[in-house]
């Protein structure tokens, strides 16, 4: 008898209950890119659950490129904060007319958050070809999925999380003694917060406006408005994007 070894084992495709589904969509809708933290601690078992959620993310070719460096040393945090501040100044200068406006924004909570995690892409990624032959950047896409998993799980646990990308990768790699070929992609600030932003902070501070979903979904070819939104004059903006 021939057995199809390519068919994976399955479990029942049982839909979530109404309340379970609502909780998933609520976490997606209420997730925020937090910058304001109130100290405190993240219990070890909670942090383990969050990292486990991240590790359950999909990855191209099952490469699992994510690595997490937990920053526990205060001096390392201070030096990391300095790296971010240096890049914040450079970013402000690159923004030209919006320099002063940008400098008024709070862009990180490294010194305030209960936990700081640096997410890095592992070394040796060049050996993973499956799904990456024409799109090698899928290692980064996979790591982003892990970060999003962690973000949603943090919201479900009542914690805040912020993604900081203002740093020079080579300098951060040197600070954390990353091996050759590994690359830091995110600094995550995680911990208790007084509350979540009612809408994305950058929207509240008028840095940018939220795009209407109807203008971002096309049918068949780029720019052809999708029939999904034909009955709507203007679809409402999605307020949970950042």
C-alpha atoms as a PDB file:
ATOM      1  CA  UNK A   1       0.000   0.000   0.000  1.00  0.00           C
ATOM      2  CA  UNK A   2       1.460   3.346  -1.056  1.00  0.00           C
ATOM      3  CA  UNK A   3       1.473   6.047   1.586  1.00  0.00           C
ATOM      4  CA  UNK A   4       1.638   9.712   0.642  1.00  0.00           C
ATOM      5  CA  UNK A   5       4.482  10.969   2.803  1.00  0.00           C
ATOM      6  CA  UNK A   6       3.929  14.527   1.593  1.00  0.00           C
ATOM      7  CA  UNK A   7       0.562  14.842   3.330  1.00  0.00           C
ATOM      8  CA  UNK A   8       1.031  16.282   6.819  1.00  0.00           C
ATOM      9  CA  UNK A   9      -0.770  15.129   9.925  1.00  0.00           C
ATOM     10  CA  UNK A  10      -3.903  17.130  10.625  1.00  0.00           C
ATOM     11  CA  UNK A  11      -6.016  18.198  13.571  1.00  0.00           C
ATOM     12  CA  UNK A  12      -9.668  19.170  13.369  1.00  0.00           C
ATOM     13  CA  UNK A  13     -10.376  22.570  11.799  1.00  0.00           C
ATOM     14  CA  UNK A  14     -12.656  23.546  14.649  1.00  0.00           C
ATOM     15  CA  UNK A  15     -13.627  27.227  14.585  1.00  0.00           C
ATOM     16  CA  UNK A  16     -13.171  29.329  17.690  1.00  0.00           C
ATOM     17  CA  UNK A  17     -16.183  30.155  19.788  1.00  0.00           C
ATOM     18  CA  UNK A  18     -17.686  33.611  19.348  1.00  0.00           C
ATOM     19  CA  UNK A  19     -15.964  34.893  22.501  1.00  0.00           C
ATOM     20  CA  UNK A  20     -12.611  33.361  21.513  1.00  0.00           C
ATOM     21  CA  UNK A  21     -12.772  34.953  18.074  1.00  0.00           C
ATOM     22  CA  UNK A  22     -13.746  38.286  19.593  1.00  0.00           C
ATOM     23  CA  UNK A  23     -10.708  38.157  21.873  1.00  0.00           C
ATOM     24  CA  UNK A  24      -8.366  37.585  18.918  1.00  0.00           C
ATOM     25  CA  UNK A  25      -9.813  40.490  16.960  1.00  0.00           C
ATOM     26  CA  UNK A  26      -9.772  42.686  20.055  1.00  0.00           C
ATOM     27  CA  UNK A  27      -6.055  42.052  20.570  1.00  0.00           C
ATOM     28  CA  UNK A  28      -5.398  42.967  16.937  1.00  0.00           C
ATOM     29  CA  UNK A  29      -7.543  46.096  17.140  1.00  0.00           C
ATOM     30  CA  UNK A  30      -6.197  47.343  20.479  1.00  0.00           C
ATOM     31  CA  UNK A  31      -2.512  46.561  20.015  1.00  0.00           C
ATOM     32  CA  UNK A  32      -0.437  49.721  20.163  1.00  0.00           C
ATOM     33  CA  UNK A  33       3.186  50.667  19.582  1.00  0.00           C
ATOM     34  CA  UNK A  34       3.810  51.866  23.137  1.00  0.00           C
ATOM     35  CA  UNK A  35       6.404  54.429  24.179  1.00  0.00           C
ATOM     36  CA  UNK A  36       5.267  55.186  27.737  1.00  0.00           C
ATOM     37  CA  UNK A  37       5.921  52.601  30.454  1.00  0.00           C
ATOM     38  CA  UNK A  38       5.532  52.620  34.221  1.00  0.00           C
ATOM     39  CA  UNK A  39       8.349  50.355  35.385  1.00  0.00           C
ATOM     40  CA  UNK A  40       7.261  47.266  37.265  1.00  0.00           C
ATOM     41  CA  UNK A  41       8.060  43.693  36.328  1.00  0.00           C
ATOM     42  CA  UNK A  42       7.002  41.032  33.875  1.00  0.00           C
ATOM     43  CA  UNK A  43       6.588  37.713  35.659  1.00  0.00           C
ATOM     44  CA  UNK A  44       8.914  34.988  34.425  1.00  0.00           C
ATOM     45  CA  UNK A  45       6.067  32.690  33.411  1.00  0.00           C
ATOM     46  CA  UNK A  46       4.413  35.510  31.453  1.00  0.00           C
ATOM     47  CA  UNK A  47       7.652  36.353  29.636  1.00  0.00           C
ATOM     48  CA  UNK A  48       8.116  32.686  28.801  1.00  0.00           C
ATOM     49  CA  UNK A  49       4.584  32.560  27.359  1.00  0.00           C
ATOM     50  CA  UNK A  50       5.223  35.650  25.261  1.00  0.00           C
ATOM     51  CA  UNK A  51       8.452  34.268  23.833  1.00  0.00           C
ATOM     52  CA  UNK A  52       6.738  30.945  23.177  1.00  0.00           C
ATOM     53  CA  UNK A  53       4.045  32.818  21.248  1.00  0.00           C
ATOM     54  CA  UNK A  54       6.768  34.515  19.212  1.00  0.00           C
ATOM     55  CA  UNK A  55       8.416  31.168  18.539  1.00  0.00           C
ATOM     56  CA  UNK A  56       5.123  29.817  17.180  1.00  0.00           C
ATOM     57  CA  UNK A  57       5.272  32.308  14.312  1.00  0.00           C
ATOM     58  CA  UNK A  58       5.389  31.066  10.726  1.00  0.00           C
ATOM     59  CA  UNK A  59       8.748  31.208   8.979  1.00  0.00           C
ATOM     60  CA  UNK A  60       9.687  30.757   5.348  1.00  0.00           C
ATOM     61  CA  UNK A  61      11.193  27.314   4.790  1.00  0.00           C
ATOM     62  CA  UNK A  62      10.763  26.725   8.535  1.00  0.00           C
ATOM     63  CA  UNK A  63      14.064  28.513   9.026  1.00  0.00           C
ATOM     64  CA  UNK A  64      13.079  30.149  12.356  1.00  0.00           C
ATOM     65  CA  UNK A  65      15.613  32.968  11.960  1.00  0.00           C
ATOM     66  CA  UNK A  66      14.665  34.887  15.113  1.00  0.00           C
ATOM     67  CA  UNK A  67      16.956  35.181  18.109  1.00  0.00           C
ATOM     68  CA  UNK A  68      16.101  37.114  21.273  1.00  0.00           C
ATOM     69  CA  UNK A  69      18.644  38.880  23.480  1.00  0.00           C
ATOM     70  CA  UNK A  70      17.179  39.870  26.844  1.00  0.00           C
ATOM     71  CA  UNK A  71      18.900  43.004  28.155  1.00  0.00           C
ATOM     72  CA  UNK A  72      19.196  42.661  31.929  1.00  0.00           C
ATOM     73  CA  UNK A  73      22.360  44.630  32.617  1.00  0.00           C
ATOM     74  CA  UNK A  74      21.570  48.266  33.416  1.00  0.00           C
ATOM     75  CA  UNK A  75      24.792  49.559  31.882  1.00  0.00           C
ATOM     76  CA  UNK A  76      23.970  47.760  28.634  1.00  0.00           C
ATOM     77  CA  UNK A  77      20.545  49.400  28.657  1.00  0.00           C
ATOM     78  CA  UNK A  78      22.104  52.818  29.101  1.00  0.00           C
ATOM     79  CA  UNK A  79      24.497  52.209  26.215  1.00  0.00           C
ATOM     80  CA  UNK A  80      21.627  50.918  24.069  1.00  0.00           C
ATOM     81  CA  UNK A  81      19.633  54.034  24.921  1.00  0.00           C
ATOM     82  CA  UNK A  82      22.583  56.160  23.811  1.00  0.00           C
ATOM     83  CA  UNK A  83      22.710  54.358  20.451  1.00  0.00           C
ATOM     84  CA  UNK A  84      19.040  55.074  19.892  1.00  0.00           C
ATOM     85  CA  UNK A  85      19.420  58.716  20.892  1.00  0.00           C
ATOM     86  CA  UNK A  86      22.319  59.158  18.461  1.00  0.00           C
ATOM     87  CA  UNK A  87      20.238  57.757  15.604  1.00  0.00           C
ATOM     88  CA  UNK A  88      17.230  59.840  16.679  1.00  0.00           C
ATOM     89  CA  UNK A  89      19.283  62.973  16.089  1.00  0.00           C
ATOM     90  CA  UNK A  90      20.481  61.742  12.699  1.00  0.00           C
ATOM     91  CA  UNK A  91      16.929  60.824  11.691  1.00  0.00           C
ATOM     92  CA  UNK A  92      15.684  64.252  12.742  1.00  0.00           C
ATOM     93  CA  UNK A  93      18.316  65.942  10.584  1.00  0.00           C
ATOM     94  CA  UNK A  94      17.363  63.755   7.628  1.00  0.00           C
ATOM     95  CA  UNK A  95      13.734  64.869   7.942  1.00  0.00           C
ATOM     96  CA  UNK A  96      14.594  68.440   7.040  1.00  0.00           C
ATOM     97  CA  UNK A  97      11.627  70.727   7.733  1.00  0.00           C
ATOM     98  CA  UNK A  98      10.091  68.231  10.161  1.00  0.00           C
ATOM     99  CA  UNK A  99      13.231  68.007  12.324  1.00  0.00           C
ATOM    100  CA  UNK A 100      11.935  70.003  15.277  1.00  0.00           C
ATOM    101  CA  UNK A 101       8.550  68.291  15.100  1.00  0.00           C
ATOM    102  CA  UNK A 102      10.201  64.865  15.162  1.00  0.00           C
ATOM    103  CA  UNK A 103      12.423  65.757  18.126  1.00  0.00           C
ATOM    104  CA  UNK A 104       9.311  66.386  20.200  1.00  0.00           C
ATOM    105  CA  UNK A 105       8.102  62.811  19.714  1.00  0.00           C
ATOM    106  CA  UNK A 106       8.858  60.117  22.267  1.00  0.00           C
ATOM    107  CA  UNK A 107      10.367  57.298  20.235  1.00  0.00           C
ATOM    108  CA  UNK A 108      11.436  54.735  22.842  1.00  0.00           C
ATOM    109  CA  UNK A 109      11.087  53.556  26.432  1.00  0.00           C
ATOM    110  CA  UNK A 110      14.349  51.674  26.893  1.00  0.00           C
ATOM    111  CA  UNK A 111      15.114  53.099  30.328  1.00  0.00           C
ATOM    112  CA  UNK A 112      11.527  52.828  31.584  1.00  0.00           C
ATOM    113  CA  UNK A 113      10.212  49.469  30.370  1.00  0.00           C
ATOM    114  CA  UNK A 114      10.276  46.394  32.593  1.00  0.00           C
ATOM    115  CA  UNK A 115      11.946  44.335  29.870  1.00  0.00           C
ATOM    116  CA  UNK A 116      14.040  45.124  26.808  1.00  0.00           C
ATOM    117  CA  UNK A 117      14.520  42.488  24.126  1.00  0.00           C
ATOM    118  CA  UNK A 118      16.666  42.790  21.039  1.00  0.00           C
ATOM    119  CA  UNK A 119      15.459  40.685  18.130  1.00  0.00           C
ATOM    120  CA  UNK A 120      18.195  39.595  15.751  1.00  0.00           C
ATOM    121  CA  UNK A 121      18.398  37.503  12.617  1.00  0.00           C
ATOM    122  CA  UNK A 122      20.563  34.447  13.207  1.00  0.00           C
ATOM    123  CA  UNK A 123      23.841  33.858  11.451  1.00  0.00           C
ATOM    124  CA  UNK A 124      24.038  31.173   8.752  1.00  0.00           C
ATOM    125  CA  UNK A 125      20.845  32.307   7.032  1.00  0.00           C
ATOM    126  CA  UNK A 126      22.482  32.011   3.624  1.00  0.00           C
ATOM    127  CA  UNK A 127      22.133  28.236   3.925  1.00  0.00           C
ATOM    128  CA  UNK A 128      18.332  28.524   3.879  1.00  0.00           C
ATOM    129  CA  UNK A 129      17.295  28.594   0.222  1.00  0.00           C
ATOM    130  CA  UNK A 130      13.716  27.281   0.454  1.00  0.00           C
ATOM    131  CA  UNK A 131      11.459  30.300  -0.227  1.00  0.00           C
ATOM    132  CA  UNK A 132      14.407  32.702  -0.364  1.00  0.00           C
ATOM    133  CA  UNK A 133      16.151  32.053  -3.676  1.00  0.00           C
ATOM    134  CA  UNK A 134      14.581  35.118  -5.290  1.00  0.00           C
ATOM    135  CA  UNK A 135      13.465  36.854  -2.083  1.00  0.00           C
ATOM    136  CA  UNK A 136      16.230  36.586   0.525  1.00  0.00           C
ATOM    137  CA  UNK A 137      14.502  39.231   2.651  1.00  0.00           C
ATOM    138  CA  UNK A 138      11.954  36.625   3.738  1.00  0.00           C
ATOM    139  CA  UNK A 139      14.156  35.993   6.776  1.00  0.00           C
ATOM    140  CA  UNK A 140      13.251  39.489   7.947  1.00  0.00           C
ATOM    141  CA  UNK A 141       9.581  38.904   7.110  1.00  0.00           C
ATOM    142  CA  UNK A 142       9.642  35.758   9.232  1.00  0.00           C
ATOM    143  CA  UNK A 143      11.176  37.590  12.187  1.00  0.00           C
ATOM    144  CA  UNK A 144       8.516  40.295  11.836  1.00  0.00           C
ATOM    145  CA  UNK A 145       5.842  37.604  12.186  1.00  0.00           C
ATOM    146  CA  UNK A 146       7.448  36.499  15.467  1.00  0.00           C
ATOM    147  CA  UNK A 147       7.471  40.083  16.712  1.00  0.00           C
ATOM    148  CA  UNK A 148       3.799  40.508  15.839  1.00  0.00           C
ATOM    149  CA  UNK A 149       2.927  37.286  17.683  1.00  0.00           C
ATOM    150  CA  UNK A 150       4.730  38.593  20.754  1.00  0.00           C
ATOM    151  CA  UNK A 151       2.984  41.958  20.412  1.00  0.00           C
ATOM    152  CA  UNK A 152      -0.505  40.475  20.301  1.00  0.00           C
ATOM    153  CA  UNK A 153       0.240  38.108  23.170  1.00  0.00           C
ATOM    154  CA  UNK A 154       1.538  41.048  25.225  1.00  0.00           C
ATOM    155  CA  UNK A 155      -1.726  42.907  24.634  1.00  0.00           C
ATOM    156  CA  UNK A 156      -3.684  39.830  25.709  1.00  0.00           C
ATOM    157  CA  UNK A 157      -1.609  39.758  28.924  1.00  0.00           C
ATOM    158  CA  UNK A 158      -2.348  43.434  29.594  1.00  0.00           C
ATOM    159  CA  UNK A 159       1.200  44.579  28.832  1.00  0.00           C
ATOM    160  CA  UNK A 160       2.502  47.238  26.480  1.00  0.00           C
ATOM    161  CA  UNK A 161       5.165  46.774  23.826  1.00  0.00           C
ATOM    162  CA  UNK A 162       7.009  49.140  21.529  1.00  0.00           C
ATOM    163  CA  UNK A 163       9.226  48.412  18.531  1.00  0.00           C
ATOM    164  CA  UNK A 164      12.288  50.663  18.285  1.00  0.00           C
ATOM    165  CA  UNK A 165      14.174  50.691  14.979  1.00  0.00           C
ATOM    166  CA  UNK A 166      16.321  53.780  15.497  1.00  0.00           C
ATOM    167  CA  UNK A 167      19.832  52.372  15.782  1.00  0.00           C
ATOM    168  CA  UNK A 168      22.906  51.618  13.710  1.00  0.00           C
ATOM    169  CA  UNK A 169      22.823  47.798  13.249  1.00  0.00           C
ATOM    170  CA  UNK A 170      26.609  47.354  13.244  1.00  0.00           C
ATOM    171  CA  UNK A 171      26.999  49.282  16.507  1.00  0.00           C
ATOM    172  CA  UNK A 172      24.229  47.341  18.227  1.00  0.00           C
ATOM    173  CA  UNK A 173      25.675  44.062  16.958  1.00  0.00           C
ATOM    174  CA  UNK A 174      29.031  45.007  18.477  1.00  0.00           C
ATOM    175  CA  UNK A 175      27.432  46.032  21.778  1.00  0.00           C
ATOM    176  CA  UNK A 176      25.734  42.636  22.123  1.00  0.00           C
ATOM    177  CA  UNK A 177      28.630  40.618  20.707  1.00  0.00           C
ATOM    178  CA  UNK A 178      26.540  39.152  17.895  1.00  0.00           C
ATOM    179  CA  UNK A 179      28.345  36.575  15.731  1.00  0.00           C
ATOM    180  CA  UNK A 180      29.378  37.464  12.196  1.00  0.00           C
ATOM    181  CA  UNK A 181      26.367  37.230   9.917  1.00  0.00           C
ATOM    182  CA  UNK A 182      23.785  37.892  12.632  1.00  0.00           C
ATOM    183  CA  UNK A 183      21.920  41.180  12.410  1.00  0.00           C
ATOM    184  CA  UNK A 184      19.755  43.087  14.926  1.00  0.00           C
ATOM    185  CA  UNK A 185      16.398  44.177  13.513  1.00  0.00           C
ATOM    186  CA  UNK A 186      14.393  45.425  16.488  1.00  0.00           C
ATOM    187  CA  UNK A 187      14.629  46.686  20.044  1.00  0.00           C
ATOM    188  CA  UNK A 188      11.449  45.754  21.896  1.00  0.00           C
ATOM    189  CA  UNK A 189      10.386  47.633  25.018  1.00  0.00           C
ATOM    190  CA  UNK A 190       7.953  45.552  27.059  1.00  0.00           C
ATOM    191  CA  UNK A 191       6.155  45.966  30.353  1.00  0.00           C
ATOM    192  CA  UNK A 192       3.277  47.398  32.360  1.00  0.00           C
ATOM    193  CA  UNK A 193       1.681  50.607  31.098  1.00  0.00           C
ATOM    194  CA  UNK A 194      -0.823  52.977  32.650  1.00  0.00           C
ATOM    195  CA  UNK A 195      -3.081  52.548  29.639  1.00  0.00           C
ATOM    196  CA  UNK A 196      -3.087  52.068  25.889  1.00  0.00           C
ATOM    197  CA  UNK A 197      -3.209  54.932  23.417  1.00  0.00           C
ATOM    198  CA  UNK A 198      -6.802  55.492  22.286  1.00  0.00           C
ATOM    199  CA  UNK A 199      -5.426  55.518  18.750  1.00  0.00           C
ATOM    200  CA  UNK A 200      -1.864  55.257  17.415  1.00  0.00           C
ATOM    201  CA  UNK A 201       0.368  57.856  19.065  1.00  0.00           C
ATOM    202  CA  UNK A 202       1.652  59.230  15.758  1.00  0.00           C
ATOM    203  CA  UNK A 203      -1.942  59.714  14.605  1.00  0.00           C
ATOM    204  CA  UNK A 204      -2.817  61.492  17.851  1.00  0.00           C
ATOM    205  CA  UNK A 205       0.149  63.808  17.424  1.00  0.00           C
ATOM    206  CA  UNK A 206      -0.723  64.435  13.760  1.00  0.00           C
ATOM    207  CA  UNK A 207       2.514  62.994  12.419  1.00  0.00           C
ATOM    208  CA  UNK A 208       0.588  60.973   9.852  1.00  0.00           C
ATOM    209  CA  UNK A 209      -2.990  60.067   8.985  1.00  0.00           C
ATOM    210  CA  UNK A 210      -4.367  56.557   8.828  1.00  0.00           C
ATOM    211  CA  UNK A 211      -5.063  55.242   5.343  1.00  0.00           C
ATOM    212  CA  UNK A 212      -8.543  53.997   4.454  1.00  0.00           C
ATOM    213  CA  UNK A 213      -8.460  50.251   3.776  1.00  0.00           C
ATOM    214  CA  UNK A 214     -10.578  50.616   0.645  1.00  0.00           C
ATOM    215  CA  UNK A 215      -7.729  52.465  -1.048  1.00  0.00           C
ATOM    216  CA  UNK A 216      -5.207  49.737  -0.266  1.00  0.00           C
ATOM    217  CA  UNK A 217      -7.007  46.671  -1.651  1.00  0.00           C
ATOM    218  CA  UNK A 218      -7.031  46.008  -5.406  1.00  0.00           C
ATOM    219  CA  UNK A 219      -8.633  43.390  -7.639  1.00  0.00           C
ATOM    220  CA  UNK A 220      -6.443  41.627 -10.232  1.00  0.00           C
ATOM    221  CA  UNK A 221      -4.223  44.588 -11.114  1.00  0.00           C
ATOM    222  CA  UNK A 222      -2.564  47.407  -9.198  1.00  0.00           C
ATOM    223  CA  UNK A 223      -4.848  50.381  -8.724  1.00  0.00           C
ATOM    224  CA  UNK A 224      -8.107  48.643  -9.669  1.00  0.00           C
ATOM    225  CA  UNK A 225     -10.452  49.302  -6.757  1.00  0.00           C
ATOM    226  CA  UNK A 226     -11.632  46.119  -5.083  1.00  0.00           C
ATOM    227  CA  UNK A 227     -15.274  45.110  -5.340  1.00  0.00           C
ATOM    228  CA  UNK A 228     -15.081  44.271  -1.634  1.00  0.00           C
ATOM    229  CA  UNK A 229     -15.633  47.944  -0.843  1.00  0.00           C
ATOM    230  CA  UNK A 230     -17.890  48.902  -3.755  1.00  0.00           C
ATOM    231  CA  UNK A 231     -20.842  49.427  -1.400  1.00  0.00           C
ATOM    232  CA  UNK A 232     -18.888  51.895   0.744  1.00  0.00           C
ATOM    233  CA  UNK A 233     -18.422  55.513  -0.200  1.00  0.00           C
ATOM    234  CA  UNK A 234     -15.358  55.737   2.030  1.00  0.00           C
ATOM    235  CA  UNK A 235     -14.280  52.869   4.260  1.00  0.00           C
ATOM    236  CA  UNK A 236     -13.352  54.019   7.765  1.00  0.00           C
ATOM    237  CA  UNK A 237      -9.635  54.107   8.604  1.00  0.00           C
ATOM    238  CA  UNK A 238      -8.218  51.193  10.538  1.00  0.00           C
ATOM    239  CA  UNK A 239      -7.144  52.608  13.901  1.00  0.00           C
ATOM    240  CA  UNK A 240      -5.051  49.730  15.188  1.00  0.00           C
ATOM    241  CA  UNK A 241      -2.131  49.824  12.804  1.00  0.00           C
ATOM    242  CA  UNK A 242       0.609  51.130  15.079  1.00  0.00           C
END
